[in-house]
Amino acid sequence: MNTAEWIIAGILSATLFIFLILGIIVMIKVLKLLKETRRFIETGQEFADKASGVANNLYEMTLVGSITGLAKRIKKQYNKFKSDKE
């Protein structure tokens, strides 16, 4: 091999080494980002579950309140009807 071939082989080797090191660094950063993203998604899912629980509780409370109000109105109408009949 002559000198020019050695120089080209050296440049190519150095370039490949730099790209290998940069690729490893980028891969580590991407893995850290994915780990952080997973944690963010889990936190969001926990928040959504809690919000769903609160919504279900409000629905149940509203349903019970509506039934109680309906029962009071029925009783009032029954008493009114009973007094009108007498």
C-alpha atoms as a PDB file:
ATOM      1  CA  MET A   1       0.000   0.000   0.000  1.00  0.00           C
ATOM      2  CA  ASN A   2       1.280   3.394  -0.806  1.00  0.00           C
ATOM      3  CA  THR A   3       1.015   6.497   1.368  1.00  0.00           C
ATOM      4  CA  ALA A   4      -2.193   7.840  -0.147  1.00  0.00           C
ATOM      5  CA  GLU A   5      -4.041   4.585   0.603  1.00  0.00           C
ATOM      6  CA  TRP A   6      -2.833   4.672   4.229  1.00  0.00           C
ATOM      7  CA  ILE A   7      -4.021   8.253   4.612  1.00  0.00           C
ATOM      8  CA  ILE A   8      -7.461   7.447   3.143  1.00  0.00           C
ATOM      9  CA  ALA A   9      -7.772   4.334   5.353  1.00  0.00           C
ATOM     10  CA  GLY A  10      -6.806   6.409   8.418  1.00  0.00           C
ATOM     11  CA  ILE A  11      -9.344   9.137   7.605  1.00  0.00           C
ATOM     12  CA  LEU A  12     -12.088   6.573   7.028  1.00  0.00           C
ATOM     13  CA  SER A  13     -11.230   4.771  10.261  1.00  0.00           C
ATOM     14  CA  ALA A  14     -11.308   8.010  12.261  1.00  0.00           C
ATOM     15  CA  THR A  15     -14.604   9.056  10.664  1.00  0.00           C
ATOM     16  CA  LEU A  16     -16.216   5.692  11.405  1.00  0.00           C
ATOM     17  CA  PHE A  17     -14.926   5.835  14.985  1.00  0.00           C
ATOM     18  CA  ILE A  18     -16.430   9.310  15.480  1.00  0.00           C
ATOM     19  CA  PHE A  19     -19.778   8.202  14.040  1.00  0.00           C
ATOM     20  CA  LEU A  20     -19.742   5.110  16.279  1.00  0.00           C
ATOM     21  CA  ILE A  21     -19.139   7.197  19.409  1.00  0.00           C
ATOM     22  CA  LEU A  22     -21.796   9.742  18.377  1.00  0.00           C
ATOM     23  CA  GLY A  23     -24.247   6.919  17.616  1.00  0.00           C
ATOM     24  CA  ILE A  24     -23.735   5.425  21.080  1.00  0.00           C
ATOM     25  CA  ILE A  25     -24.241   8.815  22.734  1.00  0.00           C
ATOM     26  CA  VAL A  26     -27.401   9.485  20.711  1.00  0.00           C
ATOM     27  CA  MET A  27     -28.749   5.998  21.547  1.00  0.00           C
ATOM     28  CA  ILE A  28     -28.207   6.605  25.283  1.00  0.00           C
ATOM     29  CA  LYS A  29     -29.981   9.974  25.084  1.00  0.00           C
ATOM     30  CA  VAL A  30     -32.911   8.442  23.167  1.00  0.00           C
ATOM     31  CA  LEU A  31     -33.259   5.668  25.762  1.00  0.00           C
ATOM     32  CA  LYS A  32     -33.283   8.233  28.570  1.00  0.00           C
ATOM     33  CA  LEU A  33     -35.908  10.246  26.704  1.00  0.00           C
ATOM     34  CA  LEU A  34     -38.060   7.142  26.228  1.00  0.00           C
ATOM     35  CA  LYS A  35     -37.782   6.340  29.926  1.00  0.00           C
ATOM     36  CA  GLU A  36     -38.880   9.882  30.826  1.00  0.00           C
ATOM     37  CA  THR A  37     -41.714   9.695  28.299  1.00  0.00           C
ATOM     38  CA  ARG A  38     -42.917   6.406  29.802  1.00  0.00           C
ATOM     39  CA  ARG A  39     -42.947   7.980  33.264  1.00  0.00           C
ATOM     40  CA  PHE A  40     -44.889  10.974  31.911  1.00  0.00           C
ATOM     41  CA  ILE A  41     -47.444   8.684  30.261  1.00  0.00           C
ATOM     42  CA  GLU A  42     -47.881   6.639  33.451  1.00  0.00           C
ATOM     43  CA  THR A  43     -48.447   9.824  35.454  1.00  0.00           C
ATOM     44  CA  GLY A  44     -51.016  10.979  32.906  1.00  0.00           C
ATOM     45  CA  GLN A  45     -52.772   7.609  33.064  1.00  0.00           C
ATOM     46  CA  GLU A  46     -52.945   7.794  36.868  1.00  0.00           C
ATOM     47  CA  PHE A  47     -54.418  11.293  36.593  1.00  0.00           C
ATOM     48  CA  ALA A  48     -56.991  10.080  34.051  1.00  0.00           C
ATOM     49  CA  ASP A  49     -57.959   7.185  36.333  1.00  0.00           C
ATOM     50  CA  LYS A  50     -58.446   9.551  39.263  1.00  0.00           C
ATOM     51  CA  ALA A  51     -60.497  11.940  37.129  1.00  0.00           C
ATOM     52  CA  SER A  52     -62.636   9.036  35.974  1.00  0.00           C
ATOM     53  CA  GLY A  53     -63.209   8.008  39.594  1.00  0.00           C
ATOM     54  CA  VAL A  54     -64.238  11.536  40.524  1.00  0.00           C
ATOM     55  CA  ALA A  55     -66.609  11.688  37.543  1.00  0.00           C
ATOM     56  CA  ASN A  56     -68.170   8.369  38.561  1.00  0.00           C
ATOM     57  CA  ASN A  57     -68.642   9.613  42.124  1.00  0.00           C
ATOM     58  CA  LEU A  58     -70.285  12.808  40.885  1.00  0.00           C
ATOM     59  CA  TYR A  59     -72.555  10.776  38.617  1.00  0.00           C
ATOM     60  CA  GLU A  60     -73.601   8.531  41.487  1.00  0.00           C
ATOM     61  CA  MET A  61     -74.209  11.520  43.732  1.00  0.00           C
ATOM     62  CA  THR A  62     -76.242  13.223  41.019  1.00  0.00           C
ATOM     63  CA  LEU A  63     -78.244  10.062  40.389  1.00  0.00           C
ATOM     64  CA  VAL A  64     -78.999   9.657  44.087  1.00  0.00           C
ATOM     65  CA  GLY A  65     -79.891  13.341  44.356  1.00  0.00           C
ATOM     66  CA  SER A  66     -82.223  13.053  41.388  1.00  0.00           C
ATOM     67  CA  ILE A  67     -83.949   9.993  42.810  1.00  0.00           C
ATOM     68  CA  THR A  68     -84.383  11.698  46.188  1.00  0.00           C
ATOM     69  CA  GLY A  69     -85.770  14.828  44.532  1.00  0.00           C
ATOM     70  CA  LEU A  70     -88.108  12.716  42.422  1.00  0.00           C
ATOM     71  CA  ALA A  71     -89.340  10.871  45.510  1.00  0.00           C
ATOM     72  CA  LYS A  72     -90.034  14.184  47.276  1.00  0.00           C
ATOM     73  CA  ARG A  73     -91.988  15.489  44.268  1.00  0.00           C
ATOM     74  CA  ILE A  74     -94.014  12.291  44.043  1.00  0.00           C
ATOM     75  CA  LYS A  75     -94.814  12.472  47.750  1.00  0.00           C
ATOM     76  CA  LYS A  76     -95.830  16.138  47.406  1.00  0.00           C
ATOM     77  CA  GLN A  77     -98.096  15.364  44.433  1.00  0.00           C
ATOM     78  CA  TYR A  78     -99.594  12.381  46.284  1.00  0.00           C
ATOM     79  CA  ASN A  79    -100.338  14.516  49.336  1.00  0.00           C
ATOM     80  CA  LYS A  80    -101.851  17.208  47.119  1.00  0.00           C
ATOM     81  CA  PHE A  81    -103.972  14.641  45.274  1.00  0.00           C
ATOM     82  CA  LYS A  82    -105.031  13.049  48.557  1.00  0.00           C
ATOM     83  CA  SER A  83    -106.064  16.434  50.035  1.00  0.00           C
ATOM     84  CA  ASP A  84    -107.966  17.355  46.856  1.00  0.00           C
ATOM     85  CA  LYS A  85    -109.852  14.061  46.972  1.00  0.00           C
ATOM     86  CA  GLU A  86    -111.042  14.614  50.506  1.00  0.00           C
END
